[in-house]
């Protein structure tokens, strides 16, 4: 069975948690993360295996090899990433309180 290729938008505490959980699953491959803070991207990428990093979530959404995206941004910053992921035709897991 092929692995589901996942991207995560938001590399804060919850975004990192998503990456950690996905990495623990045999049938999932985390391939990319996005966050506007480059230092945070580098930290999470290094910790979880050199993930592709994007400061612009639209670049992550444009990747044809990503099937699903977790959105773990602050609630006030959900709308635009959700639209971008939906327009790209990918499955969405949205973090909300």
N, C-alpha and C. Protein backbone atom coordinates (compact mmCIF):
# COMPACT_ATOMS: atom_id res chain seq x y z
N UNK A 1 0.84 -1.18 0.00
CA UNK A 1 0.00 0.00 0.00
C UNK A 1 0.88 1.24 0.00
N UNK A 2 0.56 2.19 -0.85
CA UNK A 2 1.33 3.43 -0.92
C UNK A 2 1.05 4.29 0.30
N UNK A 3 2.06 5.03 0.70
CA UNK A 3 1.90 5.93 1.84
C UNK A 3 1.15 7.19 1.41
N UNK A 4 0.37 7.74 2.33
CA UNK A 4 -0.29 9.02 2.11
C UNK A 4 0.74 10.10 2.36
N UNK A 5 0.91 10.99 1.40
CA UNK A 5 1.90 12.06 1.52
C UNK A 5 1.22 13.31 2.06
N UNK A 6 1.77 13.82 3.16
CA UNK A 6 1.13 14.88 3.94
C UNK A 6 2.02 16.11 4.04
N UNK A 7 1.38 17.28 4.06
CA UNK A 7 2.04 18.53 4.38
C UNK A 7 1.36 19.13 5.60
N UNK A 8 2.08 19.95 6.34
CA UNK A 8 1.53 20.61 7.52
C UNK A 8 1.76 22.11 7.39
N UNK A 9 0.69 22.87 7.53
CA UNK A 9 0.78 24.33 7.52
C UNK A 9 0.67 24.80 8.97
N UNK A 10 1.73 25.45 9.43
CA UNK A 10 1.81 25.90 10.82
C UNK A 10 2.80 25.02 11.57
N UNK A 11 3.91 25.58 11.97
CA UNK A 11 4.96 24.79 12.64
C UNK A 11 5.10 25.16 14.11
N UNK A 12 4.03 25.69 14.69
CA UNK A 12 4.04 25.96 16.13
C UNK A 12 3.88 24.67 16.91
N UNK A 13 3.47 24.76 18.15
CA UNK A 13 3.36 23.57 18.99
C UNK A 13 2.41 22.52 18.42
N UNK A 14 1.23 22.94 17.97
CA UNK A 14 0.28 21.98 17.41
C UNK A 14 0.75 21.44 16.07
N UNK A 15 1.32 22.30 15.24
CA UNK A 15 1.85 21.82 13.97
C UNK A 15 2.94 20.79 14.16
N UNK A 16 3.84 21.05 15.11
CA UNK A 16 4.88 20.07 15.41
C UNK A 16 4.28 18.76 15.91
N UNK A 17 3.24 18.87 16.72
CA UNK A 17 2.56 17.66 17.20
C UNK A 17 1.99 16.85 16.04
N UNK A 18 1.40 17.54 15.06
CA UNK A 18 0.89 16.84 13.88
C UNK A 18 2.02 16.10 13.17
N UNK A 19 3.15 16.78 12.98
CA UNK A 19 4.29 16.15 12.32
C UNK A 19 4.73 14.92 13.10
N UNK A 20 4.84 15.03 14.41
CA UNK A 20 5.29 13.90 15.24
C UNK A 20 4.34 12.71 15.14
N UNK A 21 3.05 12.98 15.19
CA UNK A 21 2.07 11.89 15.10
C UNK A 21 2.11 11.25 13.72
N UNK A 22 2.12 12.06 12.67
CA UNK A 22 2.19 11.49 11.32
C UNK A 22 3.46 10.65 11.14
N UNK A 23 4.57 11.11 11.70
CA UNK A 23 5.83 10.36 11.57
C UNK A 23 5.74 9.01 12.26
N UNK A 24 4.85 8.87 13.23
CA UNK A 24 4.71 7.61 13.96
C UNK A 24 3.83 6.60 13.23
N UNK A 25 3.18 7.02 12.16
CA UNK A 25 2.26 6.15 11.42
C UNK A 25 2.97 5.50 10.23
N UNK A 26 2.78 4.21 10.08
CA UNK A 26 3.45 3.47 9.01
C UNK A 26 2.96 3.84 7.61
N UNK A 27 1.71 4.24 7.49
CA UNK A 27 1.14 4.49 6.17
C UNK A 27 1.08 5.96 5.78
N UNK A 28 1.84 6.80 6.50
CA UNK A 28 1.87 8.23 6.23
C UNK A 28 3.32 8.69 6.09
N UNK A 29 3.55 9.61 5.14
CA UNK A 29 4.86 10.22 4.97
C UNK A 29 4.70 11.74 5.00
N UNK A 30 5.28 12.37 6.00
CA UNK A 30 5.27 13.84 6.05
C UNK A 30 6.38 14.31 5.12
N UNK A 31 6.01 15.14 4.16
CA UNK A 31 7.00 15.57 3.18
C UNK A 31 7.34 17.05 3.25
N UNK A 32 6.43 17.87 3.81
CA UNK A 32 6.68 19.31 3.81
C UNK A 32 5.94 20.01 4.94
N UNK A 33 6.52 21.13 5.37
CA UNK A 33 5.88 21.98 6.36
C UNK A 33 5.98 23.43 5.89
N UNK A 34 5.05 24.24 6.41
CA UNK A 34 5.05 25.65 6.05
C UNK A 34 4.81 26.49 7.29
N UNK A 35 5.54 27.58 7.39
CA UNK A 35 5.38 28.54 8.48
C UNK A 35 6.12 29.81 8.07
N UNK A 36 5.62 30.98 8.44
CA UNK A 36 6.32 32.20 8.05
C UNK A 36 7.63 32.43 8.81
N UNK A 37 7.87 31.68 9.88
CA UNK A 37 9.08 31.86 10.70
C UNK A 37 10.13 30.84 10.26
N UNK A 38 11.13 31.30 9.53
CA UNK A 38 12.14 30.40 8.97
C UNK A 38 12.89 29.61 10.04
N UNK A 39 13.20 30.23 11.16
CA UNK A 39 13.94 29.54 12.22
C UNK A 39 13.12 28.36 12.76
N UNK A 40 11.81 28.55 12.89
CA UNK A 40 10.95 27.48 13.38
C UNK A 40 10.87 26.35 12.36
N UNK A 41 10.78 26.69 11.09
CA UNK A 41 10.78 25.67 10.04
C UNK A 41 12.05 24.83 10.11
N UNK A 42 13.19 25.49 10.24
CA UNK A 42 14.46 24.77 10.30
C UNK A 42 14.51 23.85 11.51
N UNK A 43 14.02 24.33 12.65
CA UNK A 43 14.04 23.54 13.87
C UNK A 43 13.18 22.28 13.74
N UNK A 44 11.96 22.43 13.24
CA UNK A 44 11.06 21.28 13.11
C UNK A 44 11.58 20.33 12.03
N UNK A 45 12.06 20.88 10.92
CA UNK A 45 12.58 20.04 9.85
C UNK A 45 13.76 19.20 10.32
N UNK A 46 14.68 19.82 11.02
CA UNK A 46 15.85 19.11 11.54
C UNK A 46 15.44 17.99 12.50
N UNK A 47 14.50 18.30 13.36
CA UNK A 47 14.06 17.35 14.39
C UNK A 47 13.36 16.13 13.80
N UNK A 48 12.64 16.32 12.69
CA UNK A 48 11.82 15.24 12.14
C UNK A 48 12.27 14.74 10.77
N UNK A 49 13.49 14.99 10.41
CA UNK A 49 14.01 14.32 9.23
C UNK A 49 14.09 15.12 7.96
N UNK A 50 14.53 16.36 8.03
CA UNK A 50 14.80 17.16 6.83
C UNK A 50 13.58 17.26 5.90
N UNK A 51 12.52 17.83 6.40
CA UNK A 51 11.31 18.04 5.61
C UNK A 51 11.52 19.23 4.68
N UNK A 52 10.82 19.24 3.57
CA UNK A 52 10.84 20.41 2.69
C UNK A 52 10.12 21.54 3.42
N UNK A 53 10.66 22.75 3.36
CA UNK A 53 10.13 23.88 4.13
C UNK A 53 9.71 25.02 3.20
N UNK A 54 8.59 25.64 3.55
CA UNK A 54 8.07 26.76 2.79
C UNK A 54 7.59 27.85 3.74
N UNK A 55 8.01 29.09 3.49
CA UNK A 55 7.47 30.20 4.26
C UNK A 55 6.13 30.67 3.69
N UNK A 56 5.83 30.25 2.48
CA UNK A 56 4.55 30.57 1.84
C UNK A 56 3.78 29.25 1.65
N UNK A 57 2.68 29.12 2.36
CA UNK A 57 1.89 27.88 2.32
C UNK A 57 1.37 27.57 0.92
N UNK A 58 1.25 28.57 0.07
CA UNK A 58 0.76 28.33 -1.29
C UNK A 58 1.72 27.47 -2.09
N UNK A 59 3.01 27.56 -1.78
CA UNK A 59 3.99 26.70 -2.46
C UNK A 59 3.80 25.25 -2.04
N UNK A 60 3.53 25.02 -0.78
CA UNK A 60 3.25 23.66 -0.30
C UNK A 60 2.00 23.13 -1.01
N UNK A 61 0.96 23.96 -1.09
CA UNK A 61 -0.30 23.55 -1.73
C UNK A 61 -0.12 23.21 -3.21
N UNK A 62 0.82 23.85 -3.86
CA UNK A 62 1.04 23.63 -5.30
C UNK A 62 1.69 22.29 -5.61
N UNK A 63 2.24 21.64 -4.62
CA UNK A 63 2.91 20.36 -4.87
C UNK A 63 1.91 19.28 -5.24
N UNK A 64 2.15 18.65 -6.36
CA UNK A 64 1.25 17.60 -6.85
C UNK A 64 1.38 16.31 -6.04
N UNK A 65 2.50 16.12 -5.35
CA UNK A 65 2.73 14.86 -4.64
C UNK A 65 2.13 14.85 -3.23
N UNK A 66 1.60 15.97 -2.77
CA UNK A 66 0.98 16.01 -1.44
C UNK A 66 -0.52 15.78 -1.59
N UNK A 67 -1.03 14.79 -0.85
CA UNK A 67 -2.44 14.41 -0.95
C UNK A 67 -3.31 15.04 0.13
N UNK A 68 -2.71 15.30 1.29
CA UNK A 68 -3.47 15.80 2.43
C UNK A 68 -2.65 16.86 3.15
N UNK A 69 -3.34 17.85 3.71
CA UNK A 69 -2.66 18.91 4.44
C UNK A 69 -3.34 19.13 5.78
N UNK A 70 -2.55 19.14 6.84
CA UNK A 70 -3.02 19.55 8.16
C UNK A 70 -2.80 21.04 8.27
N UNK A 71 -3.82 21.75 8.73
CA UNK A 71 -3.70 23.18 8.95
C UNK A 71 -3.72 23.41 10.45
N UNK A 72 -2.59 23.83 10.98
CA UNK A 72 -2.42 24.02 12.42
C UNK A 72 -1.98 25.45 12.71
N UNK A 73 -2.59 26.38 12.01
CA UNK A 73 -2.32 27.79 12.24
C UNK A 73 -3.22 28.29 13.37
N UNK A 74 -2.94 29.48 13.91
CA UNK A 74 -3.89 30.05 14.87
C UNK A 74 -5.27 30.19 14.20
N UNK A 75 -6.31 30.08 14.99
CA UNK A 75 -7.68 30.11 14.45
C UNK A 75 -7.93 31.31 13.56
N UNK A 76 -7.42 32.46 13.93
CA UNK A 76 -7.64 33.67 13.14
C UNK A 76 -6.94 33.63 11.78
N UNK A 77 -6.08 32.63 11.58
CA UNK A 77 -5.34 32.50 10.33
C UNK A 77 -5.69 31.22 9.56
N UNK A 78 -6.88 30.68 9.80
CA UNK A 78 -7.32 29.46 9.11
C UNK A 78 -7.81 29.67 7.69
N UNK A 79 -8.55 30.73 7.46
CA UNK A 79 -9.34 30.87 6.25
C UNK A 79 -8.53 30.76 4.96
N UNK A 80 -7.51 31.56 4.80
CA UNK A 80 -6.77 31.56 3.53
C UNK A 80 -6.06 30.23 3.26
N UNK A 81 -5.39 29.62 4.25
CA UNK A 81 -4.80 28.30 3.98
C UNK A 81 -5.85 27.25 3.62
N UNK A 82 -7.00 27.28 4.28
CA UNK A 82 -8.06 26.32 3.96
C UNK A 82 -8.51 26.50 2.51
N UNK A 83 -8.70 27.73 2.11
CA UNK A 83 -9.09 27.99 0.71
C UNK A 83 -8.05 27.47 -0.26
N UNK A 84 -6.79 27.75 0.04
CA UNK A 84 -5.70 27.33 -0.87
C UNK A 84 -5.62 25.82 -0.98
N UNK A 85 -5.76 25.13 0.13
CA UNK A 85 -5.68 23.66 0.12
C UNK A 85 -6.89 23.09 -0.63
N UNK A 86 -8.08 23.64 -0.37
CA UNK A 86 -9.29 23.16 -1.05
C UNK A 86 -9.19 23.40 -2.56
N UNK A 87 -8.73 24.58 -2.94
CA UNK A 87 -8.58 24.88 -4.37
C UNK A 87 -7.56 23.97 -5.04
N UNK A 88 -6.58 23.50 -4.27
CA UNK A 88 -5.58 22.58 -4.81
C UNK A 88 -6.11 21.14 -4.88
N UNK A 89 -7.31 20.90 -4.34
CA UNK A 89 -7.93 19.59 -4.44
C UNK A 89 -7.39 18.56 -3.46
N UNK A 90 -6.86 19.03 -2.35
CA UNK A 90 -6.27 18.11 -1.37
C UNK A 90 -7.22 17.91 -0.19
N UNK A 91 -7.05 16.79 0.51
CA UNK A 91 -7.80 16.54 1.73
C UNK A 91 -7.28 17.47 2.81
N UNK A 92 -8.15 17.85 3.74
CA UNK A 92 -7.83 18.83 4.78
C UNK A 92 -8.11 18.26 6.15
N UNK A 93 -7.16 18.44 7.07
CA UNK A 93 -7.40 18.25 8.48
C UNK A 93 -7.16 19.62 9.11
N UNK A 94 -8.23 20.19 9.70
CA UNK A 94 -8.16 21.55 10.21
C UNK A 94 -8.18 21.54 11.73
N UNK A 95 -7.16 22.19 12.33
CA UNK A 95 -7.10 22.37 13.78
C UNK A 95 -7.98 23.53 14.16
N UNK A 96 -8.89 23.29 15.08
CA UNK A 96 -9.67 24.41 15.62
C UNK A 96 -10.05 24.07 17.05
N UNK A 97 -10.23 25.11 17.87
CA UNK A 97 -10.58 24.84 19.26
C UNK A 97 -11.98 24.25 19.37
